[in-house]
């Protein structure tokens, strides 16, 4: 089975070159990945914006030259990696407001393969946000690298140049630490949504007590609007059009 790999690009520093090489190399050699997608998130508060041309240049020039140079030094090891990277990669930009739609498209377009997701270079808060969105839409194939023996004599080498027995790839969703963090994060999101719903309901009840519905048509309309508003907000967030937590966070400041 041929699989697709989505690598979310959080920085384009030279020091991150080995990180991307580890991800790409392991995925191609051990996870049957034949297509690479380098994804840049735009419109997310707190993430440093990378110009489209900068990221494209980094992937198509800097990272390409890194792969090419390593192929020259070790053709047998890097031949397949070089071919996949050169012929089957795509650099894309995703708007944060439309993330849920992009994720749904991944699910629809990869029914006969396994979509793999890497969030290694993103800040933790963004990684958690994205992970929850992927999980809620049925995609849970996110992984991290871990060296089995920290005292390994070859530990200074990039992971992907070690033997497969020297390291393991962990599916994050199976880790107890993630499960606990995921539970706490979702509790916070649900609490924020509940605050908005309760606030609207309280206002509606107060208005009904002060102005009985039979007396004031205007008040009836206000109650109706508030009820719709409290119901639509969570739905708009689930659809990816708003981020309720960010909005409430700004109001608290």
C-alpha atoms as a PDB file:
ATOM      1  CA  UNK A   1       0.000   0.000   0.000  1.00  0.00           C
ATOM      2  CA  UNK A   2       1.322   3.440  -0.954  1.00  0.00           C
ATOM      3  CA  UNK A   3       0.877   6.085   1.726  1.00  0.00           C
ATOM      4  CA  UNK A   4       0.861   9.894   1.833  1.00  0.00           C
ATOM      5  CA  UNK A   5       2.857  11.895   4.387  1.00  0.00           C
ATOM      6  CA  UNK A   6       1.854  15.414   5.482  1.00  0.00           C
ATOM      7  CA  UNK A   7       4.740  17.301   7.104  1.00  0.00           C
ATOM      8  CA  UNK A   8       3.685  20.513   8.839  1.00  0.00           C
ATOM      9  CA  UNK A   9       6.469  23.075   8.487  1.00  0.00           C
ATOM     10  CA  UNK A  10       6.915  25.293  11.553  1.00  0.00           C
ATOM     11  CA  UNK A  11      10.337  26.741  10.758  1.00  0.00           C
ATOM     12  CA  UNK A  12      12.820  26.824   7.906  1.00  0.00           C
ATOM     13  CA  UNK A  13      16.040  27.037   9.903  1.00  0.00           C
ATOM     14  CA  UNK A  14      19.068  25.098   8.743  1.00  0.00           C
ATOM     15  CA  UNK A  15      19.181  23.407  12.159  1.00  0.00           C
ATOM     16  CA  UNK A  16      15.858  21.728  11.331  1.00  0.00           C
ATOM     17  CA  UNK A  17      17.279  19.989   8.277  1.00  0.00           C
ATOM     18  CA  UNK A  18      18.024  16.726  10.104  1.00  0.00           C
ATOM     19  CA  UNK A  19      14.543  16.726  11.623  1.00  0.00           C
ATOM     20  CA  UNK A  20      12.890  16.804   8.202  1.00  0.00           C
ATOM     21  CA  UNK A  21      15.397  14.270   6.851  1.00  0.00           C
ATOM     22  CA  UNK A  22      14.566  11.862   9.695  1.00  0.00           C
ATOM     23  CA  UNK A  23      10.852  12.168   9.010  1.00  0.00           C
ATOM     24  CA  UNK A  24      11.101  11.791   5.235  1.00  0.00           C
ATOM     25  CA  UNK A  25      13.689   9.004   5.253  1.00  0.00           C
ATOM     26  CA  UNK A  26      11.982   6.813   7.812  1.00  0.00           C
ATOM     27  CA  UNK A  27       8.589   7.296   6.166  1.00  0.00           C
ATOM     28  CA  UNK A  28       9.868   6.369   2.706  1.00  0.00           C
ATOM     29  CA  UNK A  29      11.964   3.385   3.791  1.00  0.00           C
ATOM     30  CA  UNK A  30       9.723   1.875   6.473  1.00  0.00           C
ATOM     31  CA  UNK A  31       6.174   3.243   6.119  1.00  0.00           C
ATOM     32  CA  UNK A  32       5.648   2.855   2.340  1.00  0.00           C
ATOM     33  CA  UNK A  33       5.289   6.607   1.782  1.00  0.00           C
ATOM     34  CA  UNK A  34       5.331   7.595  -1.890  1.00  0.00           C
ATOM     35  CA  UNK A  35       3.908  11.140  -1.716  1.00  0.00           C
ATOM     36  CA  UNK A  36       5.088  14.068   0.412  1.00  0.00           C
ATOM     37  CA  UNK A  37       3.072  17.173   1.280  1.00  0.00           C
ATOM     38  CA  UNK A  38       4.837  20.069   3.029  1.00  0.00           C
ATOM     39  CA  UNK A  39       2.118  22.080   4.760  1.00  0.00           C
ATOM     40  CA  UNK A  40       2.338  25.646   6.065  1.00  0.00           C
ATOM     41  CA  UNK A  41      -0.395  26.914   8.388  1.00  0.00           C
ATOM     42  CA  UNK A  42      -1.356  30.570   7.916  1.00  0.00           C
ATOM     43  CA  UNK A  43      -3.605  32.804   9.989  1.00  0.00           C
ATOM     44  CA  UNK A  44      -2.842  31.180  13.356  1.00  0.00           C
ATOM     45  CA  UNK A  45      -2.141  33.607  16.193  1.00  0.00           C
ATOM     46  CA  UNK A  46       1.212  32.948  17.863  1.00  0.00           C
ATOM     47  CA  UNK A  47       2.945  31.181  14.967  1.00  0.00           C
ATOM     48  CA  UNK A  48       5.640  33.008  13.078  1.00  0.00           C
ATOM     49  CA  UNK A  49       4.410  33.567   9.554  1.00  0.00           C
ATOM     50  CA  UNK A  50       6.719  32.203   6.865  1.00  0.00           C
ATOM     51  CA  UNK A  51       6.432  33.822   3.478  1.00  0.00           C
ATOM     52  CA  UNK A  52       5.150  31.439   0.832  1.00  0.00           C
ATOM     53  CA  UNK A  53       8.180  31.988  -1.380  1.00  0.00           C
ATOM     54  CA  UNK A  54      10.565  31.423   1.559  1.00  0.00           C
ATOM     55  CA  UNK A  55       9.080  28.038   2.435  1.00  0.00           C
ATOM     56  CA  UNK A  56       8.920  26.974  -1.195  1.00  0.00           C
ATOM     57  CA  UNK A  57      12.571  27.958  -1.654  1.00  0.00           C
ATOM     58  CA  UNK A  58      13.563  26.090   1.516  1.00  0.00           C
ATOM     59  CA  UNK A  59      11.863  22.862   0.400  1.00  0.00           C
ATOM     60  CA  UNK A  60      12.759  23.020  -3.294  1.00  0.00           C
ATOM     61  CA  UNK A  61      16.291  24.325  -2.877  1.00  0.00           C
ATOM     62  CA  UNK A  62      17.803  23.891   0.606  1.00  0.00           C
ATOM     63  CA  UNK A  63      16.165  20.595   1.520  1.00  0.00           C
ATOM     64  CA  UNK A  64      16.468  19.311  -2.034  1.00  0.00           C
ATOM     65  CA  UNK A  65      20.221  20.028  -2.050  1.00  0.00           C
ATOM     66  CA  UNK A  66      20.535  18.246   1.302  1.00  0.00           C
ATOM     67  CA  UNK A  67      18.857  15.131  -0.108  1.00  0.00           C
ATOM     68  CA  UNK A  68      20.920  15.365  -3.289  1.00  0.00           C
ATOM     69  CA  UNK A  69      24.178  15.733  -1.360  1.00  0.00           C
ATOM     70  CA  UNK A  70      23.421  12.728   0.826  1.00  0.00           C
ATOM     71  CA  UNK A  71      22.515  10.677  -2.242  1.00  0.00           C
ATOM     72  CA  UNK A  72      25.906  11.506  -3.739  1.00  0.00           C
ATOM     73  CA  UNK A  73      27.603  10.291  -0.567  1.00  0.00           C
ATOM     74  CA  UNK A  74      25.459   7.173  -0.129  1.00  0.00           C
ATOM     75  CA  UNK A  75      23.548   6.383  -3.325  1.00  0.00           C
ATOM     76  CA  UNK A  76      22.282   2.975  -2.196  1.00  0.00           C
ATOM     77  CA  UNK A  77      20.720   4.307   0.998  1.00  0.00           C
ATOM     78  CA  UNK A  78      19.232   7.526  -0.413  1.00  0.00           C
ATOM     79  CA  UNK A  79      18.197   6.475  -3.932  1.00  0.00           C
ATOM     80  CA  UNK A  80      14.554   5.755  -3.117  1.00  0.00           C
ATOM     81  CA  UNK A  81      14.349   8.747  -0.747  1.00  0.00           C
ATOM     82  CA  UNK A  82      15.735  11.033  -3.448  1.00  0.00           C
ATOM     83  CA  UNK A  83      13.297   9.742  -6.066  1.00  0.00           C
ATOM     84  CA  UNK A  84      10.222  10.177  -3.849  1.00  0.00           C
ATOM     85  CA  UNK A  85      11.324  13.624  -2.706  1.00  0.00           C
ATOM     86  CA  UNK A  86      12.185  14.836  -6.207  1.00  0.00           C
ATOM     87  CA  UNK A  87       9.179  13.494  -8.087  1.00  0.00           C
ATOM     88  CA  UNK A  88       6.382  13.243  -5.540  1.00  0.00           C
ATOM     89  CA  UNK A  89       6.410  16.275  -3.284  1.00  0.00           C
ATOM     90  CA  UNK A  90       4.054  19.232  -3.030  1.00  0.00           C
ATOM     91  CA  UNK A  91       4.325  22.479  -1.049  1.00  0.00           C
ATOM     92  CA  UNK A  92       0.942  23.819   0.114  1.00  0.00           C
ATOM     93  CA  UNK A  93      -0.467  26.554   2.346  1.00  0.00           C
ATOM     94  CA  UNK A  94      -3.467  25.920   4.562  1.00  0.00           C
ATOM     95  CA  UNK A  95      -5.593  28.641   6.144  1.00  0.00           C
ATOM     96  CA  UNK A  96      -6.224  27.969   9.831  1.00  0.00           C
ATOM     97  CA  UNK A  97      -9.908  28.846   9.408  1.00  0.00           C
ATOM     98  CA  UNK A  98     -10.358  26.072   6.828  1.00  0.00           C
ATOM     99  CA  UNK A  99      -8.349  23.335   8.574  1.00  0.00           C
ATOM    100  CA  UNK A 100     -11.312  21.043   9.152  1.00  0.00           C
ATOM    101  CA  UNK A 101     -12.138  21.104   5.443  1.00  0.00           C
ATOM    102  CA  UNK A 102      -8.535  20.252   4.489  1.00  0.00           C
ATOM    103  CA  UNK A 103      -8.519  17.368   6.970  1.00  0.00           C
ATOM    104  CA  UNK A 104     -11.819  16.042   5.598  1.00  0.00           C
ATOM    105  CA  UNK A 105     -10.310  16.176   2.102  1.00  0.00           C
ATOM    106  CA  UNK A 106      -7.332  14.113   3.298  1.00  0.00           C
ATOM    107  CA  UNK A 107      -9.699  11.440   4.577  1.00  0.00           C
ATOM    108  CA  UNK A 108     -11.697  11.428   1.348  1.00  0.00           C
ATOM    109  CA  UNK A 109      -8.664  11.343  -0.955  1.00  0.00           C
ATOM    110  CA  UNK A 110      -6.756   8.614   0.903  1.00  0.00           C
ATOM    111  CA  UNK A 111      -9.403   5.946   1.435  1.00  0.00           C
ATOM    112  CA  UNK A 112      -7.186   3.297  -0.149  1.00  0.00           C
ATOM    113  CA  UNK A 113      -4.030   4.362   1.688  1.00  0.00           C
ATOM    114  CA  UNK A 114      -2.855   5.551   5.082  1.00  0.00           C
ATOM    115  CA  UNK A 115      -2.471   9.314   5.628  1.00  0.00           C
ATOM    116  CA  UNK A 116       0.491   9.944   7.942  1.00  0.00           C
ATOM    117  CA  UNK A 117       0.860  13.246   9.789  1.00  0.00           C
ATOM    118  CA  UNK A 118       3.979  14.834  11.267  1.00  0.00           C
ATOM    119  CA  UNK A 119       3.762  17.878  13.569  1.00  0.00           C
ATOM    120  CA  UNK A 120       7.318  17.730  14.952  1.00  0.00           C
ATOM    121  CA  UNK A 121       8.412  21.238  13.966  1.00  0.00           C
ATOM    122  CA  UNK A 122       5.302  23.072  15.220  1.00  0.00           C
ATOM    123  CA  UNK A 123       4.957  24.759  18.648  1.00  0.00           C
ATOM    124  CA  UNK A 124       3.271  22.450  21.162  1.00  0.00           C
ATOM    125  CA  UNK A 125       0.070  24.463  21.501  1.00  0.00           C
ATOM    126  CA  UNK A 126      -0.492  24.365  17.731  1.00  0.00           C
ATOM    127  CA  UNK A 127       0.421  20.667  17.566  1.00  0.00           C
ATOM    128  CA  UNK A 128      -2.180  19.865  20.230  1.00  0.00           C
ATOM    129  CA  UNK A 129      -4.834  21.935  18.477  1.00  0.00           C
ATOM    130  CA  UNK A 130      -4.148  20.208  15.159  1.00  0.00           C
ATOM    131  CA  UNK A 131      -3.973  16.779  16.748  1.00  0.00           C
ATOM    132  CA  UNK A 132      -7.420  17.186  18.293  1.00  0.00           C
ATOM    133  CA  UNK A 133      -8.844  18.266  14.950  1.00  0.00           C
ATOM    134  CA  UNK A 134      -7.319  15.210  13.234  1.00  0.00           C
ATOM    135  CA  UNK A 135      -8.594  12.860  15.941  1.00  0.00           C
ATOM    136  CA  UNK A 136     -12.118  14.296  15.796  1.00  0.00           C
ATOM    137  CA  UNK A 137     -12.207  13.629  12.041  1.00  0.00           C
ATOM    138  CA  UNK A 138     -10.891  10.081  12.218  1.00  0.00           C
ATOM    139  CA  UNK A 139      -7.161  10.542  11.510  1.00  0.00           C
ATOM    140  CA  UNK A 140      -4.851   9.395  14.315  1.00  0.00           C
ATOM    141  CA  UNK A 141      -1.641   8.428  12.515  1.00  0.00           C
ATOM    142  CA  UNK A 142       0.761  10.882  14.161  1.00  0.00           C
ATOM    143  CA  UNK A 143       4.182   9.673  15.225  1.00  0.00           C
ATOM    144  CA  UNK A 144       7.373  10.672  17.063  1.00  0.00           C
ATOM    145  CA  UNK A 145      10.902   9.212  16.958  1.00  0.00           C
ATOM    146  CA  UNK A 146      12.553   7.775  20.050  1.00  0.00           C
ATOM    147  CA  UNK A 147      16.042   6.283  20.419  1.00  0.00           C
ATOM    148  CA  UNK A 148      15.831   2.918  22.221  1.00  0.00           C
ATOM    149  CA  UNK A 149      19.286   3.086  23.810  1.00  0.00           C
ATOM    150  CA  UNK A 150      20.508   6.604  24.721  1.00  0.00           C
ATOM    151  CA  UNK A 151      24.017   5.179  25.208  1.00  0.00           C
ATOM    152  CA  UNK A 152      24.165   3.849  21.649  1.00  0.00           C
ATOM    153  CA  UNK A 153      27.576   4.526  20.112  1.00  0.00           C
ATOM    154  CA  UNK A 154      25.865   5.796  16.964  1.00  0.00           C
ATOM    155  CA  UNK A 155      23.525   8.203  18.777  1.00  0.00           C
ATOM    156  CA  UNK A 156      25.194  11.207  17.106  1.00  0.00           C
ATOM    157  CA  UNK A 157      23.995  10.042  13.711  1.00  0.00           C
ATOM    158  CA  UNK A 158      20.579  11.080  12.363  1.00  0.00           C
ATOM    159  CA  UNK A 159      18.000   8.467  13.434  1.00  0.00           C
ATOM    160  CA  UNK A 160      17.228   7.475   9.869  1.00  0.00           C
ATOM    161  CA  UNK A 161      20.852   6.410   9.290  1.00  0.00           C
ATOM    162  CA  UNK A 162      20.739   3.980  12.206  1.00  0.00           C
ATOM    163  CA  UNK A 163      19.414   0.448  11.985  1.00  0.00           C
ATOM    164  CA  UNK A 164      15.662   0.163  12.407  1.00  0.00           C
ATOM    165  CA  UNK A 165      16.301  -1.832  15.592  1.00  0.00           C
ATOM    166  CA  UNK A 166      18.094   1.164  17.154  1.00  0.00           C
ATOM    167  CA  UNK A 167      15.005   3.369  17.409  1.00  0.00           C
ATOM    168  CA  UNK A 168      11.247   3.132  17.527  1.00  0.00           C
ATOM    169  CA  UNK A 169       8.424   5.211  16.121  1.00  0.00           C
ATOM    170  CA  UNK A 170       5.682   5.860  18.655  1.00  0.00           C
ATOM    171  CA  UNK A 171       2.073   6.519  17.770  1.00  0.00           C
ATOM    172  CA  UNK A 172       1.346   9.521  19.981  1.00  0.00           C
ATOM    173  CA  UNK A 173      -2.317   8.755  20.599  1.00  0.00           C
ATOM    174  CA  UNK A 174      -1.364   5.500  22.356  1.00  0.00           C
ATOM    175  CA  UNK A 175       0.777   7.272  24.960  1.00  0.00           C
ATOM    176  CA  UNK A 176      -0.660   7.774  28.478  1.00  0.00           C
ATOM    177  CA  UNK A 177       0.753  11.310  28.705  1.00  0.00           C
ATOM    178  CA  UNK A 178      -1.043  12.315  25.535  1.00  0.00           C
ATOM    179  CA  UNK A 179      -4.297  10.709  26.637  1.00  0.00           C
ATOM    180  CA  UNK A 180      -4.215  12.741  29.861  1.00  0.00           C
ATOM    181  CA  UNK A 181      -3.322  15.974  28.032  1.00  0.00           C
ATOM    182  CA  UNK A 182      -5.977  15.323  25.397  1.00  0.00           C
ATOM    183  CA  UNK A 183      -8.620  14.813  28.080  1.00  0.00           C
ATOM    184  CA  UNK A 184      -7.684  18.035  29.914  1.00  0.00           C
ATOM    185  CA  UNK A 185      -7.568  20.037  26.685  1.00  0.00           C
ATOM    186  CA  UNK A 186     -10.983  18.859  25.528  1.00  0.00           C
ATOM    187  CA  UNK A 187     -12.396  19.591  28.985  1.00  0.00           C
ATOM    188  CA  UNK A 188     -11.146  23.179  28.638  1.00  0.00           C
ATOM    189  CA  UNK A 189     -12.701  23.525  25.185  1.00  0.00           C
ATOM    190  CA  UNK A 190     -16.037  22.164  26.393  1.00  0.00           C
ATOM    191  CA  UNK A 191     -15.934  24.488  29.409  1.00  0.00           C
ATOM    192  CA  UNK A 192     -15.436  27.520  27.161  1.00  0.00           C
ATOM    193  CA  UNK A 193     -18.362  26.492  24.969  1.00  0.00           C
ATOM    194  CA  UNK A 194     -20.529  25.884  28.025  1.00  0.00           C
ATOM    195  CA  UNK A 195     -19.775  29.393  29.345  1.00  0.00           C
ATOM    196  CA  UNK A 196     -21.155  30.942  26.153  1.00  0.00           C
ATOM    197  CA  UNK A 197     -24.254  28.724  26.189  1.00  0.00           C
ATOM    198  CA  UNK A 198     -24.948  29.405  29.885  1.00  0.00           C
ATOM    199  CA  UNK A 199     -24.434  33.144  29.416  1.00  0.00           C
ATOM    200  CA  UNK A 200     -26.991  33.229  26.599  1.00  0.00           C
ATOM    201  CA  UNK A 201     -29.463  31.117  28.558  1.00  0.00           C
ATOM    202  CA  UNK A 202     -29.152  33.327  31.654  1.00  0.00           C
ATOM    203  CA  UNK A 203     -29.818  36.462  29.607  1.00  0.00           C
ATOM    204  CA  UNK A 204     -32.818  34.778  27.991  1.00  0.00           C
ATOM    205  CA  UNK A 205     -34.272  33.756  31.374  1.00  0.00           C
ATOM    206  CA  UNK A 206     -33.761  37.250  32.824  1.00  0.00           C
ATOM    207  CA  UNK A 207     -35.483  38.851  29.836  1.00  0.00           C
ATOM    208  CA  UNK A 208     -38.420  36.450  30.086  1.00  0.00           C
ATOM    209  CA  UNK A 209     -38.839  37.248  33.794  1.00  0.00           C
ATOM    210  CA  UNK A 210     -38.681  41.010  33.249  1.00  0.00           C
ATOM    211  CA  UNK A 211     -40.670  41.106  30.026  1.00  0.00           C
ATOM    212  CA  UNK A 212     -43.196  38.282  29.661  1.00  0.00           C
ATOM    213  CA  UNK A 213     -43.234  37.090  26.013  1.00  0.00           C
ATOM    214  CA  UNK A 214     -46.878  38.022  25.507  1.00  0.00           C
ATOM    215  CA  UNK A 215     -46.132  41.707  26.103  1.00  0.00           C
ATOM    216  CA  UNK A 216     -43.001  42.448  24.109  1.00  0.00           C
ATOM    217  CA  UNK A 217     -42.484  41.248  20.540  1.00  0.00           C
ATOM    218  CA  UNK A 218     -38.979  42.787  20.422  1.00  0.00           C
ATOM    219  CA  UNK A 219     -37.892  40.837  23.496  1.00  0.00           C
ATOM    220  CA  UNK A 220     -39.222  37.634  21.919  1.00  0.00           C
ATOM    221  CA  UNK A 221     -36.992  38.250  18.916  1.00  0.00           C
ATOM    222  CA  UNK A 222     -33.965  38.916  21.162  1.00  0.00           C
ATOM    223  CA  UNK A 223     -34.556  35.636  22.998  1.00  0.00           C
ATOM    224  CA  UNK A 224     -34.822  33.788  19.690  1.00  0.00           C
ATOM    225  CA  UNK A 225     -31.580  35.351  18.394  1.00  0.00           C
ATOM    226  CA  UNK A 226     -29.689  34.527  21.622  1.00  0.00           C
ATOM    227  CA  UNK A 227     -30.899  30.928  21.497  1.00  0.00           C
ATOM    228  CA  UNK A 228     -29.762  30.549  17.898  1.00  0.00           C
ATOM    229  CA  UNK A 229     -26.468  32.285  18.711  1.00  0.00           C
ATOM    230  CA  UNK A 230     -25.694  29.933  21.624  1.00  0.00           C
ATOM    231  CA  UNK A 231     -26.416  26.915  19.440  1.00  0.00           C
ATOM    232  CA  UNK A 232     -24.560  28.082  16.351  1.00  0.00           C
ATOM    233  CA  UNK A 233     -21.270  29.078  18.038  1.00  0.00           C
ATOM    234  CA  UNK A 234     -20.142  25.532  18.932  1.00  0.00           C
ATOM    235  CA  UNK A 235     -21.202  24.334  15.470  1.00  0.00           C
ATOM    236  CA  UNK A 236     -19.165  27.096  13.761  1.00  0.00           C
ATOM    237  CA  UNK A 237     -16.105  26.114  15.785  1.00  0.00           C
ATOM    238  CA  UNK A 238     -16.498  22.436  14.958  1.00  0.00           C
ATOM    239  CA  UNK A 239     -16.721  23.402  11.270  1.00  0.00           C
ATOM    240  CA  UNK A 240     -13.424  25.291  11.625  1.00  0.00           C
ATOM    241  CA  UNK A 241     -14.711  28.789  10.893  1.00  0.00           C
ATOM    242  CA  UNK A 242     -13.994  30.251  14.346  1.00  0.00           C
ATOM    243  CA  UNK A 243     -11.797  29.414  17.340  1.00  0.00           C
ATOM    244  CA  UNK A 244     -13.874  30.032  20.451  1.00  0.00           C
ATOM    245  CA  UNK A 245     -10.966  29.497  22.846  1.00  0.00           C
ATOM    246  CA  UNK A 246      -8.889  32.211  21.164  1.00  0.00           C
ATOM    247  CA  UNK A 247     -11.829  34.658  21.165  1.00  0.00           C
ATOM    248  CA  UNK A 248     -12.567  34.095  24.868  1.00  0.00           C
ATOM    249  CA  UNK A 249      -8.852  34.330  25.652  1.00  0.00           C
ATOM    250  CA  UNK A 250      -8.673  37.791  24.075  1.00  0.00           C
ATOM    251  CA  UNK A 251     -11.773  38.941  26.004  1.00  0.00           C
ATOM    252  CA  UNK A 252     -10.222  37.854  29.311  1.00  0.00           C
ATOM    253  CA  UNK A 253      -7.086  39.973  28.732  1.00  0.00           C
END
